[in-house]
């Protein structure tokens, strides 16, 4: 039972850090790339064939 006194605060702290990181990334527009995928699919620069040709 004593281990719960350690694990519960650790899990709450780690969850809080994850939540903070998520809100920080949304606030700083880390998920904004409206044209990126549309341009990337038409480009020959990114070739994902196994042999690279």
C-alpha atoms as a PDB file:
ATOM      1  CA  UNK A   1       0.000   0.000   0.000  1.00  0.00           C
ATOM      2  CA  UNK A   2       2.919   2.350   0.581  1.00  0.00           C
ATOM      3  CA  UNK A   3       3.882   2.103  -3.081  1.00  0.00           C
ATOM      4  CA  UNK A   4       0.585   3.801  -4.025  1.00  0.00           C
ATOM      5  CA  UNK A   5       1.653   6.845  -2.025  1.00  0.00           C
ATOM      6  CA  UNK A   6       4.598   7.119  -4.416  1.00  0.00           C
ATOM      7  CA  UNK A   7       3.050   6.017  -7.718  1.00  0.00           C
ATOM      8  CA  UNK A   8      -0.078   8.184  -7.623  1.00  0.00           C
ATOM      9  CA  UNK A   9       1.787  11.523  -7.265  1.00  0.00           C
ATOM     10  CA  UNK A  10       4.320  10.461  -9.901  1.00  0.00           C
ATOM     11  CA  UNK A  11       1.547   9.588 -12.356  1.00  0.00           C
ATOM     12  CA  UNK A  12      -0.234  12.878 -11.682  1.00  0.00           C
ATOM     13  CA  UNK A  13       2.982  14.827 -12.246  1.00  0.00           C
ATOM     14  CA  UNK A  14       3.731  12.993 -15.505  1.00  0.00           C
ATOM     15  CA  UNK A  15       0.154  13.483 -16.689  1.00  0.00           C
ATOM     16  CA  UNK A  16       0.396  17.190 -15.895  1.00  0.00           C
ATOM     17  CA  UNK A  17       3.644  17.465 -17.846  1.00  0.00           C
ATOM     18  CA  UNK A  18       2.028  15.759 -20.839  1.00  0.00           C
ATOM     19  CA  UNK A  19      -1.008  18.019 -20.651  1.00  0.00           C
ATOM     20  CA  UNK A  20       1.219  21.097 -20.420  1.00  0.00           C
ATOM     21  CA  UNK A  21       3.244  19.950 -23.451  1.00  0.00           C
ATOM     22  CA  UNK A  22       0.060  19.398 -25.470  1.00  0.00           C
ATOM     23  CA  UNK A  23      -1.362  22.843 -24.668  1.00  0.00           C
ATOM     24  CA  UNK A  24       2.022  24.461 -25.362  1.00  0.00           C
ATOM     25  CA  UNK A  25       2.231  22.820 -28.784  1.00  0.00           C
ATOM     26  CA  UNK A  26      -1.309  23.878 -29.694  1.00  0.00           C
ATOM     27  CA  UNK A  27      -0.632  27.448 -28.534  1.00  0.00           C
ATOM     28  CA  UNK A  28       2.547  27.668 -30.638  1.00  0.00           C
ATOM     29  CA  UNK A  29       0.848  26.347 -33.813  1.00  0.00           C
ATOM     30  CA  UNK A  30       2.836  23.117 -33.977  1.00  0.00           C
ATOM     31  CA  UNK A  31      -0.091  21.382 -35.688  1.00  0.00           C
ATOM     32  CA  UNK A  32      -0.654  24.022 -38.372  1.00  0.00           C
ATOM     33  CA  UNK A  33       0.497  22.891 -41.814  1.00  0.00           C
ATOM     34  CA  UNK A  34      -2.461  23.351 -44.146  1.00  0.00           C
ATOM     35  CA  UNK A  35      -0.499  23.199 -47.410  1.00  0.00           C
ATOM     36  CA  UNK A  36       2.249  20.807 -46.366  1.00  0.00           C
ATOM     37  CA  UNK A  37       0.584  17.491 -47.158  1.00  0.00           C
ATOM     38  CA  UNK A  38      -0.949  18.762 -50.390  1.00  0.00           C
ATOM     39  CA  UNK A  39       2.439  19.880 -51.689  1.00  0.00           C
ATOM     40  CA  UNK A  40       4.345  16.911 -50.303  1.00  0.00           C
ATOM     41  CA  UNK A  41       2.247  14.323 -52.143  1.00  0.00           C
ATOM     42  CA  UNK A  42       2.909  15.971 -55.513  1.00  0.00           C
ATOM     43  CA  UNK A  43       6.651  16.412 -55.012  1.00  0.00           C
ATOM     44  CA  UNK A  44       9.259  14.032 -56.408  1.00  0.00           C
ATOM     45  CA  UNK A  45      11.696  15.135 -53.718  1.00  0.00           C
ATOM     46  CA  UNK A  46      10.239  12.746 -51.146  1.00  0.00           C
ATOM     47  CA  UNK A  47      10.554   9.304 -52.720  1.00  0.00           C
ATOM     48  CA  UNK A  48       9.610   6.493 -50.385  1.00  0.00           C
ATOM     49  CA  UNK A  49      10.495   3.540 -52.580  1.00  0.00           C
ATOM     50  CA  UNK A  50      12.671   0.907 -50.862  1.00  0.00           C
ATOM     51  CA  UNK A  51      15.620   1.247 -53.252  1.00  0.00           C
ATOM     52  CA  UNK A  52      15.515   5.057 -53.349  1.00  0.00           C
ATOM     53  CA  UNK A  53      15.314   5.290 -57.164  1.00  0.00           C
END
